[in-house]
């Protein structure tokens, strides 16, 4: 965390993953179209598992994290009320080079993108005894294609591109979760350090909301910016992916979105996957929250 000395602007460190949806969301802030008086936002891009680990140290002022990681950092961070990636009956997927029955799948060792990801938490709720090995998220599809693993748990744009590789979808964790709970699957969100104090926390939350609103209202220019983070996808695919994870739900989790975060983490705690009892806490709670 960085403080400026003297009369210069206060530096606020912001970290998110190098994905088209996060880039789209932060476009307004990253290009200074959205500003906070006397604050300078500096942006760092890192894969989500690294960000989860850094958040345990309280490294960045504002950071994207997997919701699975929140109980580990809840003493240092509160959840920003906007900026969530939520799957509406879709989400991370288990893919394989052939059709596999669920009973057989649960006997395999599968490649996962990190044990702090929400994808991994959902996997362990779905199949508590499944064996897994951590592989960088962008290597999972290639490793399954090589035959190094029979199946892999994919996140990010791989959810749209896996079938081009000839892989089969075995389970969509977002659909499985909706069938279990009737709720959307909250995958990741943005959190902010509590020690910034209520005023600065509120101002940063407003800036993020305005940045998301700006991108949604100026979709073409925000998509062009996001394209540079899209790992060789065509514009049409980037547009589709961004639409899946940056939408009205990103501006406001809604009552069911907030309920889903609490339920997911409580289920993880009750199943013994998460060691500490979750205390889900949004910036600005106590203020009236629209129950849309």
Protein backbone atom coordinates (compact mmCIF):
# COMPACT_ATOMS: atom_id res chain seq x y z
CA UNK A 1 0.00 0.00 0.00
CA UNK A 2 1.32 3.41 -0.91
CA UNK A 3 0.81 6.84 0.61
CA UNK A 4 1.94 10.02 -1.11
CA UNK A 5 3.85 12.54 0.86
CA UNK A 6 3.34 16.26 0.61
CA UNK A 7 0.49 17.75 -1.38
CA UNK A 8 0.44 15.37 -4.32
CA UNK A 9 -2.52 13.06 -4.93
CA UNK A 10 -3.01 10.01 -2.76
CA UNK A 11 -1.95 6.88 -4.65
CA UNK A 12 -4.41 3.99 -4.53
CA UNK A 13 -3.14 0.68 -5.87
CA UNK A 14 -5.65 -1.30 -7.95
CA UNK A 15 -5.06 -4.89 -9.09
CA UNK A 16 -7.14 -7.10 -11.35
CA UNK A 17 -6.67 -10.03 -13.69
CA UNK A 18 -5.54 -9.53 -17.30
CA UNK A 19 -8.88 -10.52 -18.79
CA UNK A 20 -11.16 -8.77 -21.19
CA UNK A 21 -14.01 -8.55 -18.66
CA UNK A 22 -11.87 -6.95 -15.93
CA UNK A 23 -10.24 -4.62 -18.47
CA UNK A 24 -13.70 -3.57 -19.72
CA UNK A 25 -14.86 -2.94 -16.15
CA UNK A 26 -11.84 -0.81 -15.20
CA UNK A 27 -11.61 0.99 -18.56
CA UNK A 28 -13.01 4.27 -17.21
CA UNK A 29 -10.61 4.31 -14.24
CA UNK A 30 -7.56 3.05 -16.14
CA UNK A 31 -7.90 5.80 -18.78
CA UNK A 32 -8.71 8.55 -16.23
CA UNK A 33 -12.18 9.10 -17.69
CA UNK A 34 -13.41 8.43 -14.16
CA UNK A 35 -11.50 10.28 -11.44
CA UNK A 36 -11.59 10.83 -7.70
CA UNK A 37 -10.31 14.25 -6.57
CA UNK A 38 -6.78 14.07 -5.12
CA UNK A 39 -6.52 10.35 -5.84
CA UNK A 40 -4.29 8.67 -8.40
CA UNK A 41 -5.16 5.06 -9.25
CA UNK A 42 -2.23 2.87 -10.32
CA UNK A 43 -3.17 -0.42 -11.97
CA UNK A 44 -1.42 -3.80 -11.76
CA UNK A 45 -2.49 -6.85 -13.76
CA UNK A 46 -1.98 -10.31 -12.29
CA UNK A 47 -3.61 -13.73 -12.63
CA UNK A 48 -6.40 -14.27 -10.12
CA UNK A 49 -4.66 -16.92 -8.02
CA UNK A 50 -1.70 -14.57 -7.46
CA UNK A 51 -4.12 -11.80 -6.49
CA UNK A 52 -5.84 -14.12 -4.00
CA UNK A 53 -2.47 -14.82 -2.34
CA UNK A 54 -1.43 -11.15 -2.36
CA UNK A 55 -4.73 -10.18 -0.75
CA UNK A 56 -3.84 -12.35 2.24
CA UNK A 57 -0.94 -9.94 2.82
CA UNK A 58 -3.19 -6.90 2.24
CA UNK A 59 -0.84 -5.95 -0.59
CA UNK A 60 -3.13 -3.83 -2.81
CA UNK A 61 -5.64 -1.16 -1.75
CA UNK A 62 -8.28 -2.44 -4.20
CA UNK A 63 -8.02 -5.90 -5.66
CA UNK A 64 -10.03 -8.44 -7.60
CA UNK A 65 -10.27 -11.73 -5.72
CA UNK A 66 -12.08 -15.02 -6.01
CA UNK A 67 -14.97 -15.16 -3.56
CA UNK A 68 -13.46 -18.39 -2.24
CA UNK A 69 -10.54 -16.27 -0.96
CA UNK A 70 -12.69 -13.74 0.89
CA UNK A 71 -12.88 -15.53 4.28
CA UNK A 72 -9.06 -15.52 4.32
CA UNK A 73 -8.86 -11.73 3.83
CA UNK A 74 -12.10 -10.51 5.45
CA UNK A 75 -10.20 -8.97 8.38
CA UNK A 76 -8.36 -6.61 6.00
CA UNK A 77 -10.89 -6.05 3.20
CA UNK A 78 -14.58 -5.33 2.66
CA UNK A 79 -16.43 -6.28 -0.54
CA UNK A 80 -17.15 -3.41 -2.93
CA UNK A 81 -20.87 -3.38 -3.79
CA UNK A 82 -20.15 -3.34 -7.54
CA UNK A 83 -17.72 -5.15 -9.82
CA UNK A 84 -18.70 -8.77 -9.34
CA UNK A 85 -18.40 -11.51 -11.93
CA UNK A 86 -21.50 -13.64 -11.48
CA UNK A 87 -22.56 -16.62 -13.59
CA UNK A 88 -26.29 -16.71 -14.32
CA UNK A 89 -26.59 -20.48 -14.67
CA UNK A 90 -23.12 -20.73 -16.26
CA UNK A 91 -19.57 -20.59 -14.97
CA UNK A 92 -16.33 -22.56 -14.81
CA UNK A 93 -16.52 -25.90 -16.61
CA UNK A 94 -14.98 -29.32 -16.38
CA UNK A 95 -13.91 -30.34 -19.88
CA UNK A 96 -12.34 -33.54 -21.14
CA UNK A 97 -11.01 -35.01 -24.37
CA UNK A 98 -13.88 -37.53 -24.37
CA UNK A 99 -17.32 -37.93 -22.87
CA UNK A 100 -16.96 -39.03 -19.24
CA UNK A 101 -19.73 -40.13 -16.89
CA UNK A 102 -19.86 -38.21 -13.60
CA UNK A 103 -19.07 -41.30 -11.52
CA UNK A 104 -15.91 -41.90 -13.53
CA UNK A 105 -15.01 -38.19 -13.48
CA UNK A 106 -14.94 -38.20 -9.69
CA UNK A 107 -12.25 -40.92 -9.79
CA UNK A 108 -9.89 -38.91 -12.04
CA UNK A 109 -7.18 -36.38 -11.25
CA UNK A 110 -8.14 -33.11 -12.89
CA UNK A 111 -6.20 -29.93 -13.67
CA UNK A 112 -7.44 -26.89 -11.69
CA UNK A 113 -6.50 -23.19 -11.99
CA UNK A 114 -5.67 -22.70 -8.29
CA UNK A 115 -7.01 -23.85 -4.94
CA UNK A 116 -8.18 -20.36 -3.93
CA UNK A 117 -10.38 -19.92 -7.02
CA UNK A 118 -14.15 -20.08 -6.68
CA UNK A 119 -14.08 -22.64 -9.48
CA UNK A 120 -12.11 -24.94 -7.14
CA UNK A 121 -14.52 -24.31 -4.24
CA UNK A 122 -17.49 -25.22 -6.46
CA UNK A 123 -15.61 -28.32 -7.67
CA UNK A 124 -14.99 -29.49 -4.08
CA UNK A 125 -18.65 -28.96 -3.20
CA UNK A 126 -19.62 -30.96 -6.30
CA UNK A 127 -17.06 -33.76 -5.80
CA UNK A 128 -15.45 -33.56 -2.32
CA UNK A 129 -12.96 -36.39 -2.87
CA UNK A 130 -11.79 -35.53 -6.38
CA UNK A 131 -8.01 -35.42 -6.90
CA UNK A 132 -6.60 -32.29 -8.53
CA UNK A 133 -3.37 -30.63 -9.55
CA UNK A 134 -2.83 -26.89 -9.98
CA UNK A 135 -1.97 -25.80 -13.53
CA UNK A 136 -1.83 -22.16 -14.78
CA UNK A 137 -5.33 -21.41 -16.07
CA UNK A 138 -4.20 -20.77 -19.66
CA UNK A 139 -2.34 -24.11 -19.77
CA UNK A 140 -5.29 -26.30 -18.74
CA UNK A 141 -6.82 -26.75 -22.20
CA UNK A 142 -3.41 -27.48 -23.83
CA UNK A 143 -2.50 -30.00 -21.09
CA UNK A 144 -5.82 -31.84 -21.46
CA UNK A 145 -5.33 -31.89 -25.25
CA UNK A 146 -1.81 -33.33 -24.76
CA UNK A 147 -3.30 -36.07 -22.58
CA UNK A 148 -1.37 -34.99 -19.48
CA UNK A 149 -4.75 -34.80 -17.68
CA UNK A 150 -7.99 -36.50 -18.62
CA UNK A 151 -10.04 -33.49 -17.55
CA UNK A 152 -9.57 -29.87 -16.57
CA UNK A 153 -11.47 -27.13 -14.77
CA UNK A 154 -11.52 -24.07 -17.02
CA UNK A 155 -12.17 -20.40 -16.23
CA UNK A 156 -12.08 -17.12 -18.18
CA UNK A 157 -12.42 -17.12 -21.96
CA UNK A 158 -11.76 -20.85 -22.17
CA UNK A 159 -15.46 -21.23 -21.36
CA UNK A 160 -16.19 -20.00 -24.89
CA UNK A 161 -13.26 -21.50 -26.80
CA UNK A 162 -12.89 -25.07 -25.46
CA UNK A 163 -15.16 -26.64 -28.10
CA UNK A 164 -12.96 -25.27 -30.91
CA UNK A 165 -10.26 -27.54 -29.50
CA UNK A 166 -12.56 -30.56 -29.76
CA UNK A 167 -12.96 -30.92 -25.99
CA UNK A 168 -16.23 -32.04 -24.40
CA UNK A 169 -18.06 -30.18 -21.65
CA UNK A 170 -18.69 -32.61 -18.77
CA UNK A 171 -20.13 -30.26 -16.11
CA UNK A 172 -20.85 -26.54 -16.04
CA UNK A 173 -20.35 -25.56 -12.39
CA UNK A 174 -22.67 -22.55 -12.76
CA UNK A 175 -25.51 -24.72 -14.00
CA UNK A 176 -24.81 -27.33 -11.31
CA UNK A 177 -24.89 -24.59 -8.63
CA UNK A 178 -28.15 -23.14 -9.95
CA UNK A 179 -29.72 -26.63 -9.97
CA UNK A 180 -28.59 -27.08 -6.34
CA UNK A 181 -29.54 -23.66 -4.96
CA UNK A 182 -31.62 -21.73 -7.49
CA UNK A 183 -29.02 -18.94 -7.22
CA UNK A 184 -26.44 -17.39 -9.58
CA UNK A 185 -22.79 -18.42 -8.99
CA UNK A 186 -20.68 -15.52 -7.65
CA UNK A 187 -17.16 -16.13 -8.97
CA UNK A 188 -15.11 -13.05 -8.23
CA UNK A 189 -15.46 -9.56 -6.88
CA UNK A 190 -13.48 -6.50 -5.94
CA UNK A 191 -12.48 -5.77 -2.37
CA UNK A 192 -11.05 -2.67 -0.72
CA UNK A 193 -8.83 -2.23 2.32
CA UNK A 194 -10.75 -1.27 5.43
CA UNK A 195 -7.96 0.97 6.71
CA UNK A 196 -8.51 3.46 3.87
CA UNK A 197 -11.38 4.73 6.03
CA UNK A 198 -15.09 5.14 5.21
CA UNK A 199 -14.86 8.28 3.04
CA UNK A 200 -12.11 7.05 0.74
CA UNK A 201 -13.65 3.56 0.56
CA UNK A 202 -16.99 5.09 -0.48
CA UNK A 203 -15.34 7.37 -3.08
CA UNK A 204 -13.47 4.41 -4.63
CA UNK A 205 -16.66 2.32 -4.73
CA UNK A 206 -18.44 5.16 -6.55
CA UNK A 207 -15.53 5.42 -9.00
CA UNK A 208 -15.69 1.70 -9.79
CA UNK A 209 -19.46 1.84 -10.28
CA UNK A 210 -19.04 4.86 -12.57
CA UNK A 211 -16.28 3.06 -14.49
CA UNK A 212 -18.54 0.03 -15.10
CA UNK A 213 -21.44 2.30 -16.09
CA UNK A 214 -19.14 4.24 -18.45
CA UNK A 215 -18.02 1.02 -20.16
CA UNK A 216 -21.59 -0.27 -20.52
CA UNK A 217 -22.69 3.11 -21.96
CA UNK A 218 -19.64 3.36 -24.29
CA UNK A 219 -19.45 -0.31 -25.18
CA UNK A 220 -17.57 -0.05 -28.48
CA UNK A 221 -14.63 2.00 -27.19
CA UNK A 222 -14.45 -0.06 -23.96
CA UNK A 223 -14.44 -3.29 -26.02
CA UNK A 224 -11.64 -1.98 -28.22
CA UNK A 225 -9.61 -1.32 -25.06
CA UNK A 226 -10.49 -4.77 -23.65
CA UNK A 227 -9.42 -6.49 -26.89
CA UNK A 228 -5.74 -6.08 -25.97
CA UNK A 229 -6.33 -8.40 -22.98
CA UNK A 230 -8.41 -10.94 -24.89
CA UNK A 231 -5.80 -13.59 -25.74
CA UNK A 232 -6.36 -13.62 -29.50
CA UNK A 233 -10.15 -13.77 -29.43
CA UNK A 234 -12.18 -12.06 -32.15
CA UNK A 235 -14.21 -9.01 -31.20
CA UNK A 236 -17.48 -10.93 -31.38
CA UNK A 237 -16.25 -13.49 -28.84
CA UNK A 238 -14.87 -10.77 -26.54
CA UNK A 239 -18.23 -9.00 -26.73
CA UNK A 240 -19.99 -12.23 -25.78
CA UNK A 241 -17.59 -12.98 -22.91
CA UNK A 242 -17.79 -9.44 -21.53
CA UNK A 243 -21.58 -9.67 -21.75
CA UNK A 244 -21.52 -12.81 -19.62
CA UNK A 245 -19.59 -11.18 -16.79
CA UNK A 246 -20.06 -7.40 -17.03
CA UNK A 247 -23.73 -6.44 -16.98
CA UNK A 248 -26.40 -4.96 -14.70
CA UNK A 249 -25.48 -7.59 -12.11
CA UNK A 250 -21.95 -6.14 -12.08
CA UNK A 251 -23.37 -2.73 -11.18
CA UNK A 252 -25.39 -4.24 -8.33
CA UNK A 253 -25.25 -7.81 -7.03
CA UNK A 254 -28.94 -7.66 -6.16
CA UNK A 255 -30.48 -9.42 -3.20
CA UNK A 256 -30.04 -12.92 -4.66
CA UNK A 257 -26.45 -12.17 -5.70
CA UNK A 258 -25.55 -11.16 -2.14
CA UNK A 259 -27.39 -14.17 -0.76
CA UNK A 260 -25.46 -16.42 -3.17
CA UNK A 261 -22.07 -15.17 -1.87
CA UNK A 262 -23.06 -15.89 1.73
CA UNK A 263 -24.51 -19.31 0.84
CA UNK A 264 -21.49 -20.39 -1.22
CA UNK A 265 -19.04 -19.49 1.54
CA UNK A 266 -21.18 -20.98 4.31
CA UNK A 267 -21.45 -24.24 2.35
CA UNK A 268 -17.66 -24.22 1.90
CA UNK A 269 -17.19 -23.64 5.63
CA UNK A 270 -19.70 -26.31 6.63
CA UNK A 271 -18.05 -28.80 4.25
CA UNK A 272 -14.67 -28.14 5.89
CA UNK A 273 -13.18 -26.63 2.72
CA UNK A 274 -12.89 -23.11 4.23
CA UNK A 275 -11.31 -23.11 7.71
CA UNK A 276 -12.56 -19.77 9.04
CA UNK A 277 -16.20 -18.78 9.43
CA UNK A 278 -17.14 -16.34 6.64
CA UNK A 279 -18.41 -12.86 7.56
CA UNK A 280 -19.60 -11.35 4.28
CA UNK A 281 -19.38 -7.57 4.57
CA UNK A 282 -20.12 -5.00 1.85
CA UNK A 283 -18.91 -1.40 1.86
CA UNK A 284 -21.89 0.79 2.68
CA UNK A 285 -23.98 -1.85 4.41
CA UNK A 286 -26.21 -0.12 6.84
CA UNK A 287 -27.21 2.25 4.07
CA UNK A 288 -30.42 1.33 2.24
CA UNK A 289 -29.65 -1.37 -0.30
CA UNK A 290 -32.05 -1.64 -3.23
CA UNK A 291 -33.70 -5.05 -3.17
CA UNK A 292 -33.97 -5.55 -6.92
